[in-house]
Amino acid sequence: MQMNYLEPVPSLFLATVLLTGAAWDLRFHRIPNWLTFPAAALAIAYHTATNGFSGFLFSLEGIAVGIAILLPFYLLGGMGAGDAKLLGAIGGVLGPKGVFLAFLFTALVGGIYALVLLAYHGFLKKAFLRYRIMVKTFLLTR
């Protein structure tokens, strides 16, 4: 099953969940369960109602992939569980392939944003020097 990204209902729902999650995270530095769990449940309900059992599996696989992508980062302390649960809810709407692509796009935009911030604050040259030393050390010592 493939999601049609031009469908207005899931697109508006996803936009609402993401904007609410982003605003809440900026304000309180956490993403609440009252947002992620109902979003995932509504995504499952929508896809099940529109596509039957294959829609149910599509949504469930998306949730699993979304959580699995960020679970290692959570376990290593790099981000909160709310981030993983939110990506799971996004996966419920977009499905497994869609949530993976959304993660890749978000990581790319986040990386570019980080480089812009480093350059803006004058730390980009220092960061590249550190990475050059790390790569050189790795290549010489393996």
N, C-alpha and C. Protein backbone atom coordinates (compact mmCIF):
# COMPACT_ATOMS: atom_id res chain seq x y z
N MET A 1 0.84 -1.18 0.00
CA MET A 1 0.00 0.00 0.00
C MET A 1 0.89 1.24 0.00
N GLN A 2 0.47 2.26 -0.69
CA GLN A 2 1.20 3.51 -0.78
C GLN A 2 0.25 4.64 -0.40
N MET A 3 0.73 5.60 0.38
CA MET A 3 -0.12 6.73 0.74
C MET A 3 -0.07 7.78 -0.35
N ASN A 4 -1.22 8.33 -0.68
CA ASN A 4 -1.29 9.46 -1.59
C ASN A 4 -1.06 10.72 -0.77
N TYR A 5 0.07 11.38 -0.98
CA TYR A 5 0.46 12.52 -0.15
C TYR A 5 -0.37 13.77 -0.44
N LEU A 6 -1.25 13.70 -1.40
CA LEU A 6 -2.11 14.85 -1.71
C LEU A 6 -3.48 14.73 -1.06
N GLU A 7 -3.73 13.65 -0.33
CA GLU A 7 -5.00 13.50 0.37
C GLU A 7 -5.10 14.58 1.43
N PRO A 8 -6.17 15.36 1.45
CA PRO A 8 -6.24 16.48 2.38
C PRO A 8 -6.40 16.07 3.85
N VAL A 9 -7.15 15.02 4.14
CA VAL A 9 -7.40 14.66 5.54
C VAL A 9 -6.11 14.26 6.26
N PRO A 10 -5.35 13.28 5.75
CA PRO A 10 -4.11 12.95 6.47
C PRO A 10 -3.08 14.07 6.45
N SER A 11 -3.04 14.84 5.38
CA SER A 11 -2.07 15.94 5.31
C SER A 11 -2.37 17.02 6.33
N LEU A 12 -3.64 17.41 6.46
CA LEU A 12 -4.02 18.42 7.45
C LEU A 12 -3.83 17.90 8.87
N PHE A 13 -4.18 16.63 9.07
CA PHE A 13 -3.99 16.02 10.38
C PHE A 13 -2.51 16.02 10.76
N LEU A 14 -1.67 15.60 9.82
CA LEU A 14 -0.23 15.54 10.07
C LEU A 14 0.32 16.94 10.35
N ALA A 15 -0.09 17.92 9.58
CA ALA A 15 0.37 19.30 9.80
C ALA A 15 -0.03 19.79 11.19
N THR A 16 -1.25 19.48 11.60
CA THR A 16 -1.73 19.90 12.92
C THR A 16 -0.91 19.24 14.03
N VAL A 17 -0.67 17.94 13.90
CA VAL A 17 0.11 17.22 14.91
C VAL A 17 1.54 17.77 14.97
N LEU A 18 2.14 17.98 13.82
CA LEU A 18 3.53 18.46 13.80
C LEU A 18 3.66 19.88 14.35
N LEU A 19 2.75 20.75 13.98
CA LEU A 19 2.80 22.13 14.49
C LEU A 19 2.57 22.15 16.00
N THR A 20 1.61 21.36 16.47
CA THR A 20 1.35 21.29 17.91
C THR A 20 2.56 20.73 18.64
N GLY A 21 3.13 19.65 18.11
CA GLY A 21 4.31 19.05 18.73
C GLY A 21 5.50 20.00 18.76
N ALA A 22 5.72 20.71 17.67
CA ALA A 22 6.84 21.65 17.61
C ALA A 22 6.65 22.80 18.60
N ALA A 23 5.44 23.34 18.65
CA ALA A 23 5.17 24.45 19.57
C ALA A 23 5.33 23.99 21.02
N TRP A 24 4.79 22.83 21.33
CA TRP A 24 4.87 22.31 22.70
C TRP A 24 6.34 22.02 23.07
N ASP A 25 7.08 21.46 22.14
CA ASP A 25 8.48 21.14 22.39
C ASP A 25 9.31 22.41 22.59
N LEU A 26 9.06 23.44 21.80
CA LEU A 26 9.78 24.71 21.96
C LEU A 26 9.47 25.35 23.31
N ARG A 27 8.21 25.26 23.72
CA ARG A 27 7.79 25.91 24.97
C ARG A 27 8.20 25.13 26.21
N PHE A 28 7.98 23.80 26.19
CA PHE A 28 8.16 22.99 27.40
C PHE A 28 9.32 21.98 27.31
N HIS A 29 9.97 21.89 26.16
CA HIS A 29 11.08 20.96 25.94
C HIS A 29 10.69 19.51 26.14
N ARG A 30 9.50 19.19 25.72
CA ARG A 30 9.03 17.81 25.74
C ARG A 30 7.86 17.69 24.77
N ILE A 31 7.63 16.47 24.31
CA ILE A 31 6.50 16.19 23.43
C ILE A 31 5.56 15.27 24.20
N PRO A 32 4.35 15.73 24.47
CA PRO A 32 3.49 15.00 25.40
C PRO A 32 2.82 13.75 24.80
N ASN A 33 2.55 12.80 25.68
CA ASN A 33 1.84 11.58 25.27
C ASN A 33 0.42 11.88 24.81
N TRP A 34 -0.19 12.94 25.36
CA TRP A 34 -1.56 13.26 24.96
C TRP A 34 -1.63 13.66 23.48
N LEU A 35 -0.49 13.94 22.89
CA LEU A 35 -0.44 14.26 21.47
C LEU A 35 -0.06 13.03 20.64
N THR A 36 0.97 12.31 21.06
CA THR A 36 1.51 11.23 20.24
C THR A 36 0.61 9.99 20.20
N PHE A 37 0.10 9.56 21.34
CA PHE A 37 -0.71 8.34 21.37
C PHE A 37 -2.04 8.49 20.60
N PRO A 38 -2.80 9.57 20.84
CA PRO A 38 -4.02 9.73 20.03
C PRO A 38 -3.72 9.92 18.53
N ALA A 39 -2.62 10.59 18.21
CA ALA A 39 -2.27 10.77 16.80
C ALA A 39 -2.01 9.42 16.14
N ALA A 40 -1.28 8.55 16.82
CA ALA A 40 -1.01 7.22 16.28
C ALA A 40 -2.30 6.41 16.16
N ALA A 41 -3.14 6.50 17.18
CA ALA A 41 -4.41 5.76 17.16
C ALA A 41 -5.32 6.25 16.04
N LEU A 42 -5.39 7.56 15.84
CA LEU A 42 -6.22 8.11 14.77
C LEU A 42 -5.67 7.76 13.40
N ALA A 43 -4.35 7.70 13.28
CA ALA A 43 -3.73 7.30 12.01
C ALA A 43 -4.10 5.86 11.68
N ILE A 44 -4.01 4.98 12.69
CA ILE A 44 -4.40 3.59 12.49
C ILE A 44 -5.87 3.50 12.11
N ALA A 45 -6.72 4.23 12.82
CA ALA A 45 -8.16 4.19 12.55
C ALA A 45 -8.46 4.69 11.13
N TYR A 46 -7.81 5.76 10.72
CA TYR A 46 -8.06 6.32 9.39
C TYR A 46 -7.67 5.32 8.30
N HIS A 47 -6.46 4.80 8.39
CA HIS A 47 -6.00 3.88 7.34
C HIS A 47 -6.78 2.57 7.35
N THR A 48 -7.20 2.13 8.53
CA THR A 48 -8.02 0.92 8.60
C THR A 48 -9.39 1.16 7.98
N ALA A 49 -9.98 2.33 8.26
CA ALA A 49 -11.30 2.65 7.72
C ALA A 49 -11.25 2.83 6.20
N THR A 50 -10.16 3.37 5.69
CA THR A 50 -10.11 3.63 4.26
C THR A 50 -9.56 2.47 3.44
N ASN A 51 -8.73 1.61 4.06
CA ASN A 51 -8.10 0.53 3.29
C ASN A 51 -8.19 -0.84 3.94
N GLY A 52 -8.95 -0.97 4.99
CA GLY A 52 -9.13 -2.27 5.62
C GLY A 52 -7.88 -2.75 6.33
N PHE A 53 -7.71 -4.07 6.32
CA PHE A 53 -6.60 -4.67 7.05
C PHE A 53 -5.25 -4.24 6.50
N SER A 54 -5.15 -4.05 5.19
CA SER A 54 -3.87 -3.59 4.63
C SER A 54 -3.55 -2.18 5.11
N GLY A 55 -4.56 -1.35 5.31
CA GLY A 55 -4.34 -0.02 5.87
C GLY A 55 -3.89 -0.08 7.32
N PHE A 56 -4.47 -1.02 8.06
CA PHE A 56 -4.06 -1.23 9.45
C PHE A 56 -2.58 -1.61 9.52
N LEU A 57 -2.18 -2.57 8.67
CA LEU A 57 -0.78 -3.00 8.66
C LEU A 57 0.14 -1.88 8.19
N PHE A 58 -0.29 -1.12 7.19
CA PHE A 58 0.48 0.01 6.67
C PHE A 58 0.78 0.99 7.80
N SER A 59 -0.23 1.34 8.57
CA SER A 59 -0.07 2.29 9.65
C SER A 59 0.79 1.72 10.78
N LEU A 60 0.53 0.47 11.13
CA LEU A 60 1.30 -0.17 12.20
C LEU A 60 2.77 -0.30 11.83
N GLU A 61 3.05 -0.66 10.58
CA GLU A 61 4.45 -0.74 10.12
C GLU A 61 5.11 0.64 10.17
N GLY A 62 4.37 1.67 9.78
CA GLY A 62 4.92 3.03 9.84
C GLY A 62 5.26 3.45 11.25
N ILE A 63 4.39 3.10 12.20
CA ILE A 63 4.65 3.42 13.61
C ILE A 63 5.92 2.71 14.07
N ALA A 64 6.02 1.42 13.74
CA ALA A 64 7.18 0.63 14.16
C ALA A 64 8.47 1.19 13.56
N VAL A 65 8.45 1.53 12.28
CA VAL A 65 9.65 2.07 11.63
C VAL A 65 10.01 3.43 12.24
N GLY A 66 9.01 4.28 12.46
CA GLY A 66 9.28 5.60 13.04
C GLY A 66 9.92 5.51 14.40
N ILE A 67 9.40 4.65 15.26
CA ILE A 67 9.99 4.49 16.59
C ILE A 67 11.37 3.86 16.48
N ALA A 68 11.51 2.85 15.63
CA ALA A 68 12.78 2.14 15.50
C ALA A 68 13.90 3.06 15.01
N ILE A 69 13.58 4.02 14.17
CA ILE A 69 14.61 4.93 13.65
C ILE A 69 15.24 5.75 14.77
N LEU A 70 14.41 6.25 15.69
CA LEU A 70 14.92 7.14 16.73
C LEU A 70 15.21 6.43 18.05
N LEU A 71 14.84 5.17 18.18
CA LEU A 71 15.05 4.45 19.43
C LEU A 71 16.54 4.40 19.84
N PRO A 72 17.47 4.13 18.92
CA PRO A 72 18.88 4.13 19.34
C PRO A 72 19.34 5.48 19.89
N PHE A 73 18.88 6.56 19.29
CA PHE A 73 19.25 7.90 19.76
C PHE A 73 18.69 8.16 21.15
N TYR A 74 17.47 7.69 21.40
CA TYR A 74 16.87 7.82 22.73
C TYR A 74 17.66 7.00 23.75
N LEU A 75 17.97 5.75 23.40
CA LEU A 75 18.68 4.87 24.32
C LEU A 75 20.09 5.38 24.65
N LEU A 76 20.69 6.11 23.71
CA LEU A 76 22.01 6.69 23.95
C LEU A 76 21.94 8.06 24.61
N GLY A 77 20.72 8.55 24.87
CA GLY A 77 20.56 9.83 25.56
C GLY A 77 20.63 11.04 24.65
N GLY A 78 20.56 10.83 23.35
CA GLY A 78 20.66 11.95 22.42
C GLY A 78 19.37 12.70 22.21
N MET A 79 18.25 12.09 22.56
CA MET A 79 16.96 12.76 22.42
C MET A 79 15.96 12.09 23.34
N GLY A 80 14.81 12.73 23.49
CA GLY A 80 13.80 12.22 24.39
C GLY A 80 12.91 11.17 23.73
N ALA A 81 12.19 10.45 24.58
CA ALA A 81 11.27 9.43 24.08
C ALA A 81 10.13 10.05 23.29
N GLY A 82 9.77 11.28 23.62
CA GLY A 82 8.69 11.95 22.90
C GLY A 82 9.00 12.13 21.43
N ASP A 83 10.26 12.37 21.11
CA ASP A 83 10.67 12.51 19.71
C ASP A 83 10.45 11.20 18.96
N ALA A 84 10.82 10.09 19.59
CA ALA A 84 10.63 8.77 18.97
C ALA A 84 9.15 8.46 18.82
N LYS A 85 8.36 8.78 19.84
CA LYS A 85 6.92 8.52 19.76
C LYS A 85 6.26 9.41 18.71
N LEU A 86 6.71 10.65 18.59
CA LEU A 86 6.15 11.53 17.56
C LEU A 86 6.49 11.02 16.16
N LEU A 87 7.72 10.56 15.96
CA LEU A 87 8.06 10.00 14.66
C LEU A 87 7.26 8.73 14.40
N GLY A 88 6.96 7.98 15.45
CA GLY A 88 6.09 6.83 15.30
C GLY A 88 4.69 7.24 14.85
N ALA A 89 4.15 8.28 15.46
CA ALA A 89 2.83 8.78 15.06
C ALA A 89 2.85 9.27 13.61
N ILE A 90 3.93 9.93 13.24
CA ILE A 90 4.08 10.37 11.84
C ILE A 90 4.10 9.15 10.93
N GLY A 91 4.79 8.10 11.37
CA GLY A 91 4.82 6.86 10.61
C GLY A 91 3.45 6.24 10.46
N GLY A 92 2.60 6.41 11.47
CA GLY A 92 1.24 5.92 11.37
C GLY A 92 0.48 6.57 10.24
N VAL A 93 0.78 7.81 9.96
CA VAL A 93 0.12 8.54 8.88
C VAL A 93 0.79 8.25 7.54
N LEU A 94 2.12 8.31 7.50
CA LEU A 94 2.86 8.22 6.24
C LEU A 94 3.22 6.80 5.82
N GLY A 95 3.19 5.86 6.75
CA GLY A 95 3.60 4.50 6.45
C GLY A 95 5.10 4.34 6.56
N PRO A 96 5.59 3.10 6.39
CA PRO A 96 7.02 2.84 6.62
C PRO A 96 7.95 3.58 5.67
N LYS A 97 7.64 3.59 4.40
CA LYS A 97 8.50 4.26 3.43
C LYS A 97 8.44 5.78 3.63
N GLY A 98 7.24 6.29 3.84
CA GLY A 98 7.06 7.73 4.02
C GLY A 98 7.76 8.27 5.25
N VAL A 99 7.69 7.53 6.36
CA VAL A 99 8.34 8.01 7.58
C VAL A 99 9.85 7.95 7.45
N PHE A 100 10.37 6.96 6.74
CA PHE A 100 11.81 6.89 6.52
C PHE A 100 12.28 8.08 5.69
N LEU A 101 11.54 8.40 4.63
CA LEU A 101 11.89 9.55 3.80
C LEU A 101 11.76 10.86 4.59
N ALA A 102 10.73 10.95 5.43
CA ALA A 102 10.55 12.15 6.26
C ALA A 102 11.73 12.31 7.21
N PHE A 103 12.18 11.18 7.79
CA PHE A 103 13.34 11.23 8.69
C PHE A 103 14.59 11.69 7.94
N LEU A 104 14.83 11.13 6.76
CA LEU A 104 16.01 11.53 5.99
C LEU A 104 15.98 13.01 5.64
N PHE A 105 14.82 13.49 5.20
CA PHE A 105 14.69 14.91 4.85
C PHE A 105 14.91 15.79 6.08
N THR A 106 14.32 15.40 7.21
CA THR A 106 14.47 16.17 8.44
C THR A 106 15.92 16.19 8.89
N ALA A 107 16.61 15.05 8.79
CA ALA A 107 18.02 14.99 9.18
C ALA A 107 18.87 15.88 8.27
N LEU A 108 18.57 15.87 6.98
CA LEU A 108 19.30 16.71 6.04
C LEU A 108 19.10 18.19 6.34
N VAL A 109 17.85 18.60 6.53
CA VAL A 109 17.55 20.00 6.84
C VAL A 109 18.16 20.38 8.19
N GLY A 110 18.10 19.48 9.17
CA GLY A 110 18.70 19.75 10.48
C GLY A 110 20.21 19.91 10.39
N GLY A 111 20.85 19.10 9.56
CA GLY A 111 22.30 19.22 9.38
C GLY A 111 22.68 20.54 8.73
N ILE A 112 21.92 20.93 7.73
CA ILE A 112 22.19 22.23 7.08
C ILE A 112 21.97 23.37 8.07
N TYR A 113 20.91 23.27 8.86
CA TYR A 113 20.63 24.29 9.88
C TYR A 113 21.78 24.37 10.90
N ALA A 114 22.30 23.22 11.30
CA ALA A 114 23.42 23.21 12.25
C ALA A 114 24.65 23.87 11.65
N LEU A 115 24.93 23.60 10.37
CA LEU A 115 26.07 24.25 9.71
C LEU A 115 25.87 25.76 9.63
N VAL A 116 24.67 26.19 9.34
CA VAL A 116 24.38 27.63 9.28
C VAL A 116 24.60 28.26 10.65
N LEU A 117 24.13 27.60 11.71
CA LEU A 117 24.33 28.13 13.06
C LEU A 117 25.80 28.18 13.43
N LEU A 118 26.55 27.14 13.08
CA LEU A 118 27.99 27.15 13.35
C LEU A 118 28.67 28.30 12.61
N ALA A 119 28.31 28.51 11.37
CA ALA A 119 28.90 29.60 10.59
C ALA A 119 28.49 30.95 11.17
N TYR A 120 27.24 31.10 11.54
CA TYR A 120 26.74 32.37 12.07
C TYR A 120 27.47 32.75 13.36
N HIS A 121 27.75 31.77 14.19
CA HIS A 121 28.41 32.04 15.47
C HIS A 121 29.93 31.94 15.40
N GLY A 122 30.46 31.70 14.21
CA GLY A 122 31.89 31.70 14.01
C GLY A 122 32.61 30.42 14.42
N PHE A 123 31.91 29.31 14.53
CA PHE A 123 32.52 28.06 14.98
C PHE A 123 32.70 27.04 13.85
N LEU A 124 32.34 27.39 12.64
CA LEU A 124 32.39 26.43 11.54
C LEU A 124 33.82 25.99 11.24
N LYS A 125 34.75 26.92 11.21
CA LYS A 125 36.14 26.58 10.90
C LYS A 125 36.71 25.66 11.98
N LYS A 126 36.43 25.95 13.24
CA LYS A 126 36.91 25.12 14.34
C LYS A 126 36.30 23.71 14.26
N ALA A 127 35.05 23.63 13.90
CA ALA A 127 34.39 22.33 13.80
C ALA A 127 35.02 21.50 12.69
N PHE A 128 35.27 22.11 11.53
CA PHE A 128 35.90 21.38 10.43
C PHE A 128 37.31 20.94 10.78
N LEU A 129 38.05 21.76 11.52
CA LEU A 129 39.39 21.37 11.95
C LEU A 129 39.33 20.15 12.88
N ARG A 130 38.37 20.15 13.80
CA ARG A 130 38.21 19.00 14.70
C ARG A 130 37.89 17.74 13.92
N TYR A 131 36.97 17.83 12.97
CA TYR A 131 36.60 16.66 12.17
C TYR A 131 37.76 16.19 11.29
N ARG A 132 38.55 17.12 10.80
CA ARG A 132 39.72 16.75 10.00
C ARG A 132 40.71 15.96 10.85
N ILE A 133 40.91 16.39 12.07
CA ILE A 133 41.80 15.67 12.98
C ILE A 133 41.26 14.28 13.30
N MET A 134 39.94 14.18 13.51
CA MET A 134 39.34 12.87 13.80
C MET A 134 39.49 11.92 12.62
N VAL A 135 39.25 12.40 11.42
CA VAL A 135 39.38 11.56 10.23
C VAL A 135 40.83 11.14 10.03
N LYS A 136 41.75 12.09 10.21
CA LYS A 136 43.18 11.79 10.06
C LYS A 136 43.61 10.75 11.08
N THR A 137 43.19 10.90 12.32
CA THR A 137 43.52 9.95 13.37
C THR A 137 42.95 8.57 13.05
N PHE A 138 41.73 8.53 12.60
CA PHE A 138 41.10 7.26 12.24
C PHE A 138 41.86 6.58 11.11
N LEU A 139 42.19 7.33 10.09
CA LEU A 139 42.90 6.73 8.94
C LEU A 139 44.31 6.24 9.30
N LEU A 140 44.96 6.95 10.21
CA LEU A 140 46.32 6.56 10.59
C LEU A 140 46.36 5.44 11.62
N THR A 141 45.36 5.37 12.50
CA THR A 141 45.39 4.38 13.58
C THR A 141 44.37 3.26 13.40
N ARG A 142 43.40 3.49 12.58
CA ARG A 142 42.28 2.56 12.36
C ARG A 142 41.63 2.19 13.66
